[in-house]
Amino acid sequence: MGEKRAFALRIQAETLKELERWAQEEFRSVNGQIEFILSDALRKRKKPKATAPVGGEASDKVDEPGV
């Protein structure tokens, strides 16, 4: 794991309250919860995306009425 760096985060009061509740439910600090959420989002972002829907092929066709 790399070096940790500090930075200021401006956040809405209500959002912070919700993060505090969520962190408490998962036995983490608010900072730990934010790191967990960000790491999870970055990991999900790196996953390859499927190009075709399950059970069929992707289609660019648009159904036109009356055709």
C-alpha atoms as a PDB file:
ATOM      1  CA  MET A   1       0.000   0.000   0.000  1.00  0.00           C
ATOM      2  CA  GLY A   2       1.255   3.460  -0.837  1.00  0.00           C
ATOM      3  CA  GLU A   3       1.854   6.512   1.250  1.00  0.00           C
ATOM      4  CA  LYS A   4      -1.239   8.182   2.718  1.00  0.00           C
ATOM      5  CA  ARG A   5      -1.763  11.889   2.183  1.00  0.00           C
ATOM      6  CA  ALA A   6      -4.051  14.262   4.023  1.00  0.00           C
ATOM      7  CA  PHE A   7      -6.381  16.735   2.325  1.00  0.00           C
ATOM      8  CA  ALA A   8      -9.346  18.876   3.292  1.00  0.00           C
ATOM      9  CA  LEU A   9     -12.793  17.647   2.285  1.00  0.00           C
ATOM     10  CA  ARG A  10     -15.760  19.990   2.220  1.00  0.00           C
ATOM     11  CA  ILE A  11     -18.968  18.025   2.725  1.00  0.00           C
ATOM     12  CA  GLN A  12     -22.594  18.814   3.457  1.00  0.00           C
ATOM     13  CA  ALA A  13     -23.495  18.425   7.147  1.00  0.00           C
ATOM     14  CA  GLU A  14     -26.298  15.932   6.435  1.00  0.00           C
ATOM     15  CA  THR A  15     -24.005  13.828   4.235  1.00  0.00           C
ATOM     16  CA  LEU A  16     -21.431  13.729   7.020  1.00  0.00           C
ATOM     17  CA  LYS A  17     -24.091  12.639   9.529  1.00  0.00           C
ATOM     18  CA  GLU A  18     -25.116   9.767   7.221  1.00  0.00           C
ATOM     19  CA  LEU A  19     -21.469   8.759   6.730  1.00  0.00           C
ATOM     20  CA  GLU A  20     -20.972   8.766  10.499  1.00  0.00           C
ATOM     21  CA  ARG A  21     -23.993   6.477  10.960  1.00  0.00           C
ATOM     22  CA  TRP A  22     -22.863   4.153   8.162  1.00  0.00           C
ATOM     23  CA  ALA A  23     -19.298   4.003   9.493  1.00  0.00           C
ATOM     24  CA  GLN A  24     -20.557   3.207  12.992  1.00  0.00           C
ATOM     25  CA  GLU A  25     -22.735   0.370  11.644  1.00  0.00           C
ATOM     26  CA  GLU A  26     -19.692  -1.169   9.958  1.00  0.00           C
ATOM     27  CA  PHE A  27     -17.322  -0.527  12.895  1.00  0.00           C
ATOM     28  CA  ARG A  28     -15.119   1.904  10.948  1.00  0.00           C
ATOM     29  CA  SER A  29     -14.006   5.469  11.443  1.00  0.00           C
ATOM     30  CA  VAL A  30     -15.517   8.032   9.079  1.00  0.00           C
ATOM     31  CA  ASN A  31     -12.139   8.308   7.368  1.00  0.00           C
ATOM     32  CA  GLY A  32     -11.953   4.512   7.050  1.00  0.00           C
ATOM     33  CA  GLN A  33     -15.486   4.400   5.649  1.00  0.00           C
ATOM     34  CA  ILE A  34     -14.699   7.052   3.027  1.00  0.00           C
ATOM     35  CA  GLU A  35     -11.544   5.154   2.032  1.00  0.00           C
ATOM     36  CA  PHE A  36     -13.539   1.907   1.809  1.00  0.00           C
ATOM     37  CA  ILE A  37     -16.253   3.494  -0.367  1.00  0.00           C
ATOM     38  CA  LEU A  38     -13.712   5.107  -2.689  1.00  0.00           C
ATOM     39  CA  SER A  39     -11.616   1.932  -3.003  1.00  0.00           C
ATOM     40  CA  ASP A  40     -14.734  -0.118  -3.767  1.00  0.00           C
ATOM     41  CA  ALA A  41     -15.901   2.373  -6.404  1.00  0.00           C
ATOM     42  CA  LEU A  42     -12.468   2.410  -8.062  1.00  0.00           C
ATOM     43  CA  ARG A  43     -12.294  -1.400  -8.058  1.00  0.00           C
ATOM     44  CA  LYS A  44     -15.759  -1.641  -9.666  1.00  0.00           C
ATOM     45  CA  ARG A  45     -14.806   0.988 -12.241  1.00  0.00           C
ATOM     46  CA  LYS A  46     -11.829  -1.108 -13.383  1.00  0.00           C
ATOM     47  CA  LYS A  47     -13.928  -4.248 -14.048  1.00  0.00           C
ATOM     48  CA  PRO A  48     -14.427  -4.963 -17.753  1.00  0.00           C
ATOM     49  CA  LYS A  49     -17.921  -4.213 -18.941  1.00  0.00           C
ATOM     50  CA  ALA A  50     -19.982  -6.760 -20.862  1.00  0.00           C
ATOM     51  CA  THR A  51     -20.609  -5.800 -24.477  1.00  0.00           C
ATOM     52  CA  ALA A  52     -23.731  -7.918 -25.058  1.00  0.00           C
ATOM     53  CA  PRO A  53     -26.755  -8.522 -22.852  1.00  0.00           C
ATOM     54  CA  VAL A  54     -27.006 -11.929 -21.189  1.00  0.00           C
ATOM     55  CA  GLY A  55     -28.777 -14.478 -23.387  1.00  0.00           C
ATOM     56  CA  GLY A  56     -28.589 -12.504 -26.603  1.00  0.00           C
ATOM     57  CA  GLU A  57     -26.573 -10.362 -28.899  1.00  0.00           C
ATOM     58  CA  ALA A  58     -26.273  -6.614 -28.765  1.00  0.00           C
ATOM     59  CA  SER A  59     -28.245  -4.781 -31.394  1.00  0.00           C
ATOM     60  CA  ASP A  60     -28.070  -1.215 -32.613  1.00  0.00           C
ATOM     61  CA  LYS A  61     -31.412  -1.553 -34.419  1.00  0.00           C
ATOM     62  CA  VAL A  62     -34.265   0.671 -33.361  1.00  0.00           C
ATOM     63  CA  ASP A  63     -37.762  -0.705 -33.831  1.00  0.00           C
ATOM     64  CA  GLU A  64     -39.702   1.567 -36.128  1.00  0.00           C
ATOM     65  CA  PRO A  65     -43.485   1.518 -35.955  1.00  0.00           C
ATOM     66  CA  GLY A  66     -45.229   0.208 -39.042  1.00  0.00           C
ATOM     67  CA  VAL A  67     -42.139  -1.376 -40.605  1.00  0.00           C
END
